[in-house]
């Protein structure tokens, strides 16, 4: 699991894990992986902590970046997720996270930045929560000004998926058109 890989403090092992994921994707004819999950352990009650690497932004970014690099080396698009501040699992489509810009950048965005810059990812999945009052999946400041303009991300952005009350799946895909 991701927390166990992070606990090894071994970027080389993480890269090998990424290569295994990439190889499995190739063998199964897959071009994309909806992972890995790169959110911060904000609370022991977080619904997805088993998917997230750590509470430490630098450790998480370095380990996840190596996993993504390994899978990307074998041609797999890693839609690492949930960008950003996915605070809880229950009612995640409506929760709003309020925090300072400093905390946002130093704690919650830092692992994503490291994965973009060191993992050379060409894909990312946005989250469904709100950052303040803005939905992260539709946030121009987050998806364009920070992700693309500041960090130089050139790949695909998709939103997380959710099932509506009528059983259909909602998913939005934002493709880089440059």
C-alpha atoms as a PDB file:
ATOM      1  CA  UNK A   1       0.000   0.000   0.000  1.00  0.00           C
ATOM      2  CA  UNK A   2       1.058   3.598  -0.445  1.00  0.00           C
ATOM      3  CA  UNK A   3       1.748   4.324   3.249  1.00  0.00           C
ATOM      4  CA  UNK A   4       4.000   1.256   3.429  1.00  0.00           C
ATOM      5  CA  UNK A   5       5.983   2.299   0.327  1.00  0.00           C
ATOM      6  CA  UNK A   6       6.361   5.809   1.793  1.00  0.00           C
ATOM      7  CA  UNK A   7       7.517   4.340   5.121  1.00  0.00           C
ATOM      8  CA  UNK A   8      10.456   2.686   3.364  1.00  0.00           C
ATOM      9  CA  UNK A   9      11.871   6.127   2.453  1.00  0.00           C
ATOM     10  CA  UNK A  10      13.174   4.369  -0.667  1.00  0.00           C
ATOM     11  CA  UNK A  11      12.642   6.242  -3.964  1.00  0.00           C
ATOM     12  CA  UNK A  12      14.321   3.416  -5.905  1.00  0.00           C
ATOM     13  CA  UNK A  13      11.795   0.896  -4.590  1.00  0.00           C
ATOM     14  CA  UNK A  14       8.956   3.316  -5.433  1.00  0.00           C
ATOM     15  CA  UNK A  15      10.288   3.592  -8.998  1.00  0.00           C
ATOM     16  CA  UNK A  16      10.320  -0.215  -9.280  1.00  0.00           C
ATOM     17  CA  UNK A  17       6.722  -0.313  -8.030  1.00  0.00           C
ATOM     18  CA  UNK A  18       5.781   2.217 -10.713  1.00  0.00           C
ATOM     19  CA  UNK A  19       7.469   0.092 -13.371  1.00  0.00           C
ATOM     20  CA  UNK A  20       5.449  -2.922 -12.173  1.00  0.00           C
ATOM     21  CA  UNK A  21       2.228  -0.922 -12.483  1.00  0.00           C
ATOM     22  CA  UNK A  22       3.307   0.257 -15.948  1.00  0.00           C
ATOM     23  CA  UNK A  23       4.157  -3.293 -17.021  1.00  0.00           C
ATOM     24  CA  UNK A  24       0.800  -4.574 -15.784  1.00  0.00           C
ATOM     25  CA  UNK A  25      -0.938  -1.783 -17.707  1.00  0.00           C
ATOM     26  CA  UNK A  26       0.945  -2.712 -20.880  1.00  0.00           C
ATOM     27  CA  UNK A  27       0.128  -6.406 -20.497  1.00  0.00           C
ATOM     28  CA  UNK A  28      -3.564  -5.598 -20.031  1.00  0.00           C
ATOM     29  CA  UNK A  29      -3.741  -3.132 -22.913  1.00  0.00           C
ATOM     30  CA  UNK A  30      -4.369  -0.163 -20.596  1.00  0.00           C
ATOM     31  CA  UNK A  31      -3.124   3.321 -21.368  1.00  0.00           C
ATOM     32  CA  UNK A  32      -4.157   5.010 -18.123  1.00  0.00           C
ATOM     33  CA  UNK A  33      -4.108   4.486 -14.374  1.00  0.00           C
ATOM     34  CA  UNK A  34      -6.422   6.401 -12.059  1.00  0.00           C
ATOM     35  CA  UNK A  35      -3.679   6.779  -9.510  1.00  0.00           C
ATOM     36  CA  UNK A  36      -1.658   7.054  -7.454  1.00  0.00           C
ATOM     37  CA  UNK A  37      -3.416   9.096  -4.776  1.00  0.00           C
ATOM     38  CA  UNK A  38      -1.310  11.993  -3.537  1.00  0.00           C
ATOM     39  CA  UNK A  39      -3.418  13.779  -0.920  1.00  0.00           C
ATOM     40  CA  UNK A  40      -2.172  14.547   2.567  1.00  0.00           C
ATOM     41  CA  UNK A  41      -3.210  12.607   5.659  1.00  0.00           C
ATOM     42  CA  UNK A  42      -5.143  15.443   7.282  1.00  0.00           C
ATOM     43  CA  UNK A  43      -6.954  13.377   9.880  1.00  0.00           C
ATOM     44  CA  UNK A  44      -6.881   9.771  11.079  1.00  0.00           C
ATOM     45  CA  UNK A  45     -10.536   9.636  10.059  1.00  0.00           C
ATOM     46  CA  UNK A  46      -9.830  10.412   6.381  1.00  0.00           C
ATOM     47  CA  UNK A  47     -11.752   8.025   4.150  1.00  0.00           C
ATOM     48  CA  UNK A  48      -8.854   7.425   1.770  1.00  0.00           C
ATOM     49  CA  UNK A  49      -5.775   7.466   4.018  1.00  0.00           C
ATOM     50  CA  UNK A  50      -5.000   3.910   2.932  1.00  0.00           C
ATOM     51  CA  UNK A  51      -4.440   5.319  -0.597  1.00  0.00           C
ATOM     52  CA  UNK A  52      -2.402   8.371   0.409  1.00  0.00           C
ATOM     53  CA  UNK A  53       1.319   8.074   1.051  1.00  0.00           C
ATOM     54  CA  UNK A  54       1.955  10.295   4.035  1.00  0.00           C
ATOM     55  CA  UNK A  55       1.317  13.411   6.086  1.00  0.00           C
ATOM     56  CA  UNK A  56       4.694  14.756   4.961  1.00  0.00           C
ATOM     57  CA  UNK A  57       4.464  16.681   1.678  1.00  0.00           C
ATOM     58  CA  UNK A  58       8.095  16.227   0.636  1.00  0.00           C
ATOM     59  CA  UNK A  59       8.186  12.483   1.360  1.00  0.00           C
ATOM     60  CA  UNK A  60       4.885  11.961  -0.409  1.00  0.00           C
ATOM     61  CA  UNK A  61       5.945  13.970  -3.447  1.00  0.00           C
ATOM     62  CA  UNK A  62       9.288  12.191  -3.798  1.00  0.00           C
ATOM     63  CA  UNK A  63       7.841   8.683  -3.410  1.00  0.00           C
ATOM     64  CA  UNK A  64       4.751   9.303  -5.566  1.00  0.00           C
ATOM     65  CA  UNK A  65       6.900  11.089  -8.140  1.00  0.00           C
ATOM     66  CA  UNK A  66       9.108   8.017  -8.492  1.00  0.00           C
ATOM     67  CA  UNK A  67       6.070   5.700  -8.767  1.00  0.00           C
ATOM     68  CA  UNK A  68       4.606   7.925 -11.491  1.00  0.00           C
ATOM     69  CA  UNK A  69       7.974   8.167 -13.277  1.00  0.00           C
ATOM     70  CA  UNK A  70       8.310   4.367 -13.300  1.00  0.00           C
ATOM     71  CA  UNK A  71       4.836   3.818 -14.744  1.00  0.00           C
ATOM     72  CA  UNK A  72       5.243   6.707 -17.204  1.00  0.00           C
ATOM     73  CA  UNK A  73       8.540   5.230 -18.446  1.00  0.00           C
ATOM     74  CA  UNK A  74       6.477   2.291 -19.726  1.00  0.00           C
ATOM     75  CA  UNK A  75       3.905   4.508 -21.456  1.00  0.00           C
ATOM     76  CA  UNK A  76       1.160   4.561 -18.824  1.00  0.00           C
ATOM     77  CA  UNK A  77      -0.695   7.832 -18.209  1.00  0.00           C
ATOM     78  CA  UNK A  78      -0.887   8.252 -14.423  1.00  0.00           C
ATOM     79  CA  UNK A  79      -3.920  10.333 -13.467  1.00  0.00           C
ATOM     80  CA  UNK A  80      -2.542  10.976  -9.986  1.00  0.00           C
ATOM     81  CA  UNK A  81      -5.211  12.317  -7.704  1.00  0.00           C
ATOM     82  CA  UNK A  82      -7.158  14.071  -6.050  1.00  0.00           C
ATOM     83  CA  UNK A  83      -6.007  17.583  -6.930  1.00  0.00           C
ATOM     84  CA  UNK A  84      -6.390  19.095  -4.330  1.00  0.00           C
ATOM     85  CA  UNK A  85      -7.291  19.108  -0.644  1.00  0.00           C
ATOM     86  CA  UNK A  86      -9.608  16.101  -0.802  1.00  0.00           C
ATOM     87  CA  UNK A  87     -10.641  16.416   2.828  1.00  0.00           C
ATOM     88  CA  UNK A  88     -13.096  13.569   3.323  1.00  0.00           C
ATOM     89  CA  UNK A  89     -14.824  10.719   1.545  1.00  0.00           C
ATOM     90  CA  UNK A  90     -18.425  11.044   2.735  1.00  0.00           C
ATOM     91  CA  UNK A  91     -20.207  13.936   0.990  1.00  0.00           C
ATOM     92  CA  UNK A  92     -16.958  14.875  -0.761  1.00  0.00           C
ATOM     93  CA  UNK A  93     -18.870  16.569  -3.579  1.00  0.00           C
ATOM     94  CA  UNK A  94     -20.072  19.273  -1.210  1.00  0.00           C
ATOM     95  CA  UNK A  95     -17.362  19.749   1.405  1.00  0.00           C
ATOM     96  CA  UNK A  96     -15.428  23.018   1.406  1.00  0.00           C
ATOM     97  CA  UNK A  97     -11.848  23.211   2.652  1.00  0.00           C
ATOM     98  CA  UNK A  98     -10.783  26.554   4.083  1.00  0.00           C
ATOM     99  CA  UNK A  99      -7.096  27.221   4.671  1.00  0.00           C
ATOM    100  CA  UNK A 100      -4.458  29.860   4.141  1.00  0.00           C
ATOM    101  CA  UNK A 101      -2.575  30.112   0.872  1.00  0.00           C
ATOM    102  CA  UNK A 102       0.642  29.322   2.739  1.00  0.00           C
ATOM    103  CA  UNK A 103      -0.781  26.073   4.161  1.00  0.00           C
ATOM    104  CA  UNK A 104      -2.264  25.225   0.766  1.00  0.00           C
ATOM    105  CA  UNK A 105       1.059  25.650  -1.035  1.00  0.00           C
ATOM    106  CA  UNK A 106       3.445  24.235   1.600  1.00  0.00           C
ATOM    107  CA  UNK A 107       1.406  21.245   2.744  1.00  0.00           C
ATOM    108  CA  UNK A 108      -1.351  20.303   0.305  1.00  0.00           C
ATOM    109  CA  UNK A 109      -0.060  21.350  -3.134  1.00  0.00           C
ATOM    110  CA  UNK A 110       3.631  20.563  -2.599  1.00  0.00           C
ATOM    111  CA  UNK A 111       3.358  16.785  -3.241  1.00  0.00           C
ATOM    112  CA  UNK A 112       1.427  17.423  -6.468  1.00  0.00           C
ATOM    113  CA  UNK A 113       4.047  19.948  -7.576  1.00  0.00           C
ATOM    114  CA  UNK A 114       6.848  17.448  -6.955  1.00  0.00           C
ATOM    115  CA  UNK A 115       5.019  14.728  -8.920  1.00  0.00           C
ATOM    116  CA  UNK A 116       4.431  17.117 -11.839  1.00  0.00           C
ATOM    117  CA  UNK A 117       8.025  18.312 -11.915  1.00  0.00           C
ATOM    118  CA  UNK A 118       9.942  15.152 -10.984  1.00  0.00           C
ATOM    119  CA  UNK A 119       7.528  12.450 -12.128  1.00  0.00           C
ATOM    120  CA  UNK A 120       6.991  14.111 -15.517  1.00  0.00           C
ATOM    121  CA  UNK A 121       3.334  13.107 -15.416  1.00  0.00           C
ATOM    122  CA  UNK A 122       1.138  13.899 -18.376  1.00  0.00           C
ATOM    123  CA  UNK A 123      -2.173  13.367 -16.551  1.00  0.00           C
ATOM    124  CA  UNK A 124      -3.870  14.422 -13.316  1.00  0.00           C
ATOM    125  CA  UNK A 125      -7.300  13.978 -11.738  1.00  0.00           C
ATOM    126  CA  UNK A 126      -8.945  16.900  -9.974  1.00  0.00           C
ATOM    127  CA  UNK A 127     -10.988  16.422  -6.844  1.00  0.00           C
ATOM    128  CA  UNK A 128     -14.706  17.024  -6.296  1.00  0.00           C
ATOM    129  CA  UNK A 129     -14.510  19.132  -3.165  1.00  0.00           C
ATOM    130  CA  UNK A 130     -14.447  22.875  -2.952  1.00  0.00           C
ATOM    131  CA  UNK A 131     -11.488  25.028  -2.063  1.00  0.00           C
ATOM    132  CA  UNK A 132     -13.193  27.854  -0.277  1.00  0.00           C
ATOM    133  CA  UNK A 133     -16.359  28.291  -2.321  1.00  0.00           C
ATOM    134  CA  UNK A 134     -14.865  27.236  -5.699  1.00  0.00           C
ATOM    135  CA  UNK A 135     -15.214  23.688  -6.998  1.00  0.00           C
ATOM    136  CA  UNK A 136     -11.692  22.392  -7.538  1.00  0.00           C
ATOM    137  CA  UNK A 137     -12.670  20.671 -10.808  1.00  0.00           C
ATOM    138  CA  UNK A 138     -13.636  24.082 -12.229  1.00  0.00           C
ATOM    139  CA  UNK A 139     -11.023  26.273 -10.541  1.00  0.00           C
ATOM    140  CA  UNK A 140      -9.133  28.393 -13.070  1.00  0.00           C
ATOM    141  CA  UNK A 141      -6.671  29.600 -10.425  1.00  0.00           C
ATOM    142  CA  UNK A 142      -5.879  26.027  -9.360  1.00  0.00           C
ATOM    143  CA  UNK A 143      -5.966  24.197 -12.705  1.00  0.00           C
ATOM    144  CA  UNK A 144      -4.525  26.889 -14.954  1.00  0.00           C
ATOM    145  CA  UNK A 145      -2.652  29.519 -12.965  1.00  0.00           C
ATOM    146  CA  UNK A 146      -0.942  27.112 -10.542  1.00  0.00           C
ATOM    147  CA  UNK A 147      -0.856  23.753 -12.339  1.00  0.00           C
ATOM    148  CA  UNK A 148      -0.142  24.907 -15.881  1.00  0.00           C
ATOM    149  CA  UNK A 149       1.345  28.407 -15.630  1.00  0.00           C
ATOM    150  CA  UNK A 150       3.464  28.078 -12.448  1.00  0.00           C
ATOM    151  CA  UNK A 151       4.387  24.379 -12.580  1.00  0.00           C
ATOM    152  CA  UNK A 152       4.503  23.935 -16.361  1.00  0.00           C
ATOM    153  CA  UNK A 153       2.054  20.998 -16.526  1.00  0.00           C
ATOM    154  CA  UNK A 154       1.286  20.181 -20.183  1.00  0.00           C
ATOM    155  CA  UNK A 155      -0.869  17.074 -19.834  1.00  0.00           C
ATOM    156  CA  UNK A 156      -4.499  16.069 -19.468  1.00  0.00           C
ATOM    157  CA  UNK A 157      -6.747  16.975 -16.551  1.00  0.00           C
ATOM    158  CA  UNK A 158      -9.829  14.941 -15.748  1.00  0.00           C
ATOM    159  CA  UNK A 159     -12.241  15.423 -12.903  1.00  0.00           C
ATOM    160  CA  UNK A 160     -12.980  12.710 -10.415  1.00  0.00           C
ATOM    161  CA  UNK A 161     -16.098  10.701 -11.147  1.00  0.00           C
ATOM    162  CA  UNK A 162     -19.287  10.573  -9.181  1.00  0.00           C
ATOM    163  CA  UNK A 163     -22.514   8.690  -9.592  1.00  0.00           C
ATOM    164  CA  UNK A 164     -25.581  10.896  -9.767  1.00  0.00           C
ATOM    165  CA  UNK A 165     -28.868   9.919  -8.205  1.00  0.00           C
ATOM    166  CA  UNK A 166     -30.143   8.444 -11.482  1.00  0.00           C
ATOM    167  CA  UNK A 167     -27.216   6.005 -11.785  1.00  0.00           C
ATOM    168  CA  UNK A 168     -25.267   7.893 -14.455  1.00  0.00           C
ATOM    169  CA  UNK A 169     -21.604   8.808 -14.051  1.00  0.00           C
ATOM    170  CA  UNK A 170     -20.451  12.409 -14.208  1.00  0.00           C
ATOM    171  CA  UNK A 171     -16.913  13.016 -15.422  1.00  0.00           C
ATOM    172  CA  UNK A 172     -15.419  16.055 -17.053  1.00  0.00           C
ATOM    173  CA  UNK A 173     -12.270  15.898 -19.165  1.00  0.00           C
ATOM    174  CA  UNK A 174     -10.171  19.008 -19.705  1.00  0.00           C
ATOM    175  CA  UNK A 175      -7.589  18.421 -22.397  1.00  0.00           C
ATOM    176  CA  UNK A 176      -4.564  20.548 -23.062  1.00  0.00           C
ATOM    177  CA  UNK A 177      -5.073  22.105 -26.477  1.00  0.00           C
ATOM    178  CA  UNK A 178      -1.661  23.785 -26.814  1.00  0.00           C
END
